[in-house]
Amino acid sequence: MSVNLMYYTQQISGFQHKSYFYLNSRVLKEIVRKDHRCPNCNLPRVKKSYLRTRYIQGIPYGLKKLYFEVDIHRYYCYKCKSVSTEKLPFLSYPKAGLTKAMERTLMELRPHICISAISKYFDVGWHIIKNCDKNILKKKYNHIKLKDVRIIGLDEIYISRKKNSVQYITQLFDFKLDSYCLI
């Protein structure tokens, strides 16, 4: 995969292809950063030391699941004397196991397909998809202007009973926007 293809399909920039490895139905692509810079002052004069290797799932190639292998480094900047850990710009948050492009693909399918079907198809944990959904809802509805709300619908749907508790899904519907969210 060329750098351009990696950028246009996975939204990964600033990294170069190093090697491929095929294992059963998976493609493991090793990528390396083009140049290492201090995250604080952005100068290239840093001392880097290997910290660990991360595996991050990307958008699959047809039936092959794609994982990126990235070495994470710790930086020491000679100018600003700061010590920091390398940040990956193609992740939505530092400990994410999916690329932003993969998360976007999952969330585009979310209104049309149930979470368990998406989880099974992409081989991603159910809780990961639910957390992506929650993060998007938090960003989208972080500041709701209540002065514009006139009519809402609220419904609770019974799911199951476990030992001493009953589980429900709360569904909130905004009639003005013709949209809903699950709580």
Protein backbone atom coordinates (compact mmCIF):
# COMPACT_ATOMS: atom_id res chain seq x y z
CA MET A 1 0.00 0.00 0.00
CA SER A 2 1.52 3.27 -1.05
CA VAL A 3 1.53 6.32 1.20
CA ASN A 4 -1.19 7.93 -0.96
CA LEU A 5 -3.42 4.85 -0.75
CA MET A 6 -2.87 4.67 3.01
CA TYR A 7 -3.90 8.33 3.29
CA TYR A 8 -6.97 8.17 1.04
CA THR A 9 -8.37 4.89 2.38
CA GLN A 10 -7.36 5.01 6.06
CA GLN A 11 -6.63 8.74 6.66
CA ILE A 12 -3.09 7.96 7.84
CA SER A 13 -0.48 10.61 7.07
CA GLY A 14 3.08 11.13 8.27
CA PHE A 15 3.88 7.40 8.14
CA GLN A 16 5.59 5.16 5.58
CA HIS A 17 5.04 1.55 4.65
CA LYS A 18 7.71 -0.80 5.97
CA SER A 19 6.38 -4.34 5.40
CA TYR A 20 3.36 -6.63 5.01
CA PHE A 21 2.65 -9.90 6.73
CA TYR A 22 -0.28 -12.19 5.88
CA LEU A 23 -1.75 -14.48 8.53
CA ASN A 24 -4.88 -16.49 7.71
CA SER A 25 -7.58 -13.90 7.01
CA ARG A 26 -5.56 -10.94 8.32
CA VAL A 27 -3.13 -8.46 6.83
CA LEU A 28 -0.57 -6.98 9.18
CA LYS A 29 0.98 -3.79 7.80
CA GLU A 30 4.01 -2.38 9.56
CA ILE A 31 4.29 1.39 9.27
CA VAL A 32 6.92 3.82 10.57
CA ARG A 33 6.81 7.55 11.19
CA LYS A 34 8.53 9.67 8.51
CA ASP A 35 10.15 12.08 10.94
CA HIS A 36 10.09 12.36 14.70
CA ARG A 37 9.37 15.76 16.23
CA CYS A 38 8.80 17.10 19.71
CA PRO A 39 5.03 17.31 20.36
CA ASN A 40 5.54 20.50 22.41
CA CYS A 41 7.87 22.70 20.32
CA ASN A 42 7.67 20.75 17.00
CA LEU A 43 11.46 20.69 16.52
CA PRO A 44 13.04 17.61 14.91
CA ARG A 45 15.94 17.47 17.36
CA VAL A 46 14.68 14.77 19.74
CA LYS A 47 16.09 11.65 21.29
CA LYS A 48 13.72 8.74 20.74
CA SER A 49 13.61 5.47 22.62
CA TYR A 50 11.41 2.48 21.83
CA LEU A 51 8.49 2.04 24.24
CA ARG A 52 6.16 -0.65 22.82
CA THR A 53 4.46 -1.95 19.68
CA ARG A 54 0.75 -1.33 19.07
CA TYR A 55 -1.67 -3.09 16.75
CA ILE A 56 -4.49 -0.93 15.44
CA GLN A 57 -7.38 -2.20 13.34
CA GLY A 58 -8.14 -0.39 10.09
CA ILE A 59 -10.82 -0.65 7.42
CA PRO A 60 -10.62 -4.18 5.96
CA TYR A 61 -9.49 -5.04 2.44
CA GLY A 62 -12.47 -7.03 1.19
CA LEU A 63 -12.53 -10.18 3.31
CA LYS A 64 -9.08 -9.55 4.84
CA LYS A 65 -8.96 -7.76 8.17
CA LEU A 66 -6.28 -5.07 8.29
CA TYR A 67 -4.08 -4.29 11.29
CA PHE A 68 -1.38 -1.62 11.49
CA GLU A 69 1.73 -2.40 13.51
CA VAL A 70 3.25 0.79 14.90
CA ASP A 71 6.22 1.21 17.22
CA ILE A 72 5.53 3.80 19.91
CA HIS A 73 8.47 5.88 21.12
CA ARG A 74 9.22 8.12 24.07
CA TYR A 75 10.76 11.47 23.11
CA TYR A 76 13.21 13.67 24.93
CA CYS A 77 13.50 17.15 23.42
CA TYR A 78 16.90 18.78 23.71
CA LYS A 79 15.48 22.31 23.33
CA CYS A 80 12.46 22.38 25.66
CA LYS A 81 13.73 19.53 27.90
CA SER A 82 10.35 17.77 27.83
CA VAL A 83 9.72 14.04 27.94
CA SER A 84 6.62 12.83 26.09
CA THR A 85 5.12 9.79 24.44
CA GLU A 86 4.50 9.63 20.71
CA LYS A 87 0.91 10.41 19.72
CA LEU A 88 -0.78 8.79 16.72
CA PRO A 89 -2.82 11.37 14.79
CA PHE A 90 -5.02 8.76 13.08
CA LEU A 91 -6.60 7.65 16.40
CA SER A 92 -9.62 9.37 17.93
CA TYR A 93 -8.17 9.05 21.45
CA PRO A 94 -4.75 7.83 22.68
CA LYS A 95 -5.71 4.27 23.67
CA ALA A 96 -8.02 3.57 20.72
CA GLY A 97 -7.68 0.23 18.99
CA LEU A 98 -9.31 1.42 15.77
CA THR A 99 -8.35 4.08 13.26
CA LYS A 100 -10.61 7.13 12.90
CA ALA A 101 -11.58 5.88 9.43
CA MET A 102 -12.65 2.50 10.86
CA GLU A 103 -14.67 4.20 13.61
CA ARG A 104 -16.36 6.41 11.03
CA THR A 105 -17.25 3.34 8.92
CA LEU A 106 -18.75 1.59 11.95
CA MET A 107 -20.78 4.68 12.87
CA GLU A 108 -22.05 5.15 9.30
CA LEU A 109 -23.45 1.60 9.42
CA ARG A 110 -24.84 1.98 12.96
CA PRO A 111 -28.26 3.51 12.04
CA HIS A 112 -28.89 0.76 9.48
CA ILE A 113 -27.53 -2.38 11.18
CA CYS A 114 -27.66 -3.61 14.78
CA ILE A 115 -24.51 -3.47 16.89
CA SER A 116 -24.13 -7.25 17.12
CA ALA A 117 -24.18 -7.64 13.31
CA ILE A 118 -21.54 -4.92 12.85
CA SER A 119 -19.47 -6.50 15.62
CA LYS A 120 -19.59 -9.92 13.99
CA TYR A 121 -18.86 -8.67 10.46
CA PHE A 122 -15.87 -6.48 11.37
CA ASP A 123 -14.63 -8.76 14.19
CA VAL A 124 -14.78 -5.90 16.70
CA GLY A 125 -16.07 -6.20 20.26
CA TRP A 126 -19.66 -5.11 20.89
CA HIS A 127 -18.54 -2.77 23.67
CA ILE A 128 -16.08 -0.99 21.33
CA ILE A 129 -18.87 -0.10 18.89
CA LYS A 130 -21.09 1.02 21.76
CA ASN A 131 -18.28 3.24 23.12
CA CYS A 132 -17.77 4.82 19.66
CA ASP A 133 -21.52 5.47 19.53
CA LYS A 134 -21.47 7.04 23.01
CA ASN A 135 -18.50 9.28 22.14
CA ILE A 136 -20.23 10.59 19.03
CA LEU A 137 -23.46 11.22 20.94
CA LYS A 138 -21.49 13.07 23.66
CA LYS A 139 -19.85 15.32 21.07
CA LYS A 140 -23.09 15.87 19.16
CA TYR A 141 -25.34 16.50 22.18
CA ASN A 142 -22.85 17.99 24.65
CA HIS A 143 -24.54 21.40 24.56
CA ILE A 144 -28.23 21.13 23.75
CA LYS A 145 -30.14 24.38 23.56
CA LEU A 146 -33.32 23.59 25.45
CA LYS A 147 -35.04 26.79 24.38
CA ASP A 148 -35.55 25.26 20.90
CA VAL A 149 -37.05 22.00 22.20
CA ARG A 150 -40.84 21.93 21.97
CA ILE A 151 -41.93 18.28 21.70
CA ILE A 152 -39.99 15.18 22.65
CA GLY A 153 -40.90 11.52 22.91
CA LEU A 154 -39.54 9.20 25.56
CA ASP A 155 -39.94 5.44 25.68
CA GLU A 156 -38.38 2.64 27.71
CA ILE A 157 -38.06 -0.79 26.16
CA TYR A 158 -37.66 -3.91 28.30
CA ILE A 159 -34.56 -5.98 27.43
CA SER A 160 -33.99 -8.64 30.07
CA ARG A 161 -34.06 -9.59 33.72
CA LYS A 162 -30.85 -10.60 35.49
CA LYS A 163 -30.89 -11.90 39.08
CA ASN A 164 -32.18 -8.86 40.97
CA SER A 165 -32.22 -6.24 38.21
CA VAL A 166 -34.20 -5.44 35.11
CA GLN A 167 -32.55 -3.90 32.04
CA TYR A 168 -34.20 -1.30 29.81
CA ILE A 169 -33.20 0.84 26.85
CA THR A 170 -34.40 4.42 27.01
CA GLN A 171 -35.24 5.90 23.62
CA LEU A 172 -35.47 9.66 23.21
CA PHE A 173 -37.09 11.10 20.07
CA ASP A 174 -36.95 14.72 18.93
CA PHE A 175 -40.00 15.32 16.72
CA LYS A 176 -38.67 18.60 15.38
CA LEU A 177 -35.37 17.09 14.09
CA ASP A 178 -37.02 13.75 13.24
CA SER A 179 -34.14 11.89 14.92
CA TYR A 180 -33.62 9.65 17.92
CA CYS A 181 -30.92 8.42 20.25
CA LEU A 182 -30.69 5.44 22.57
CA ILE A 183 -29.66 6.03 26.17
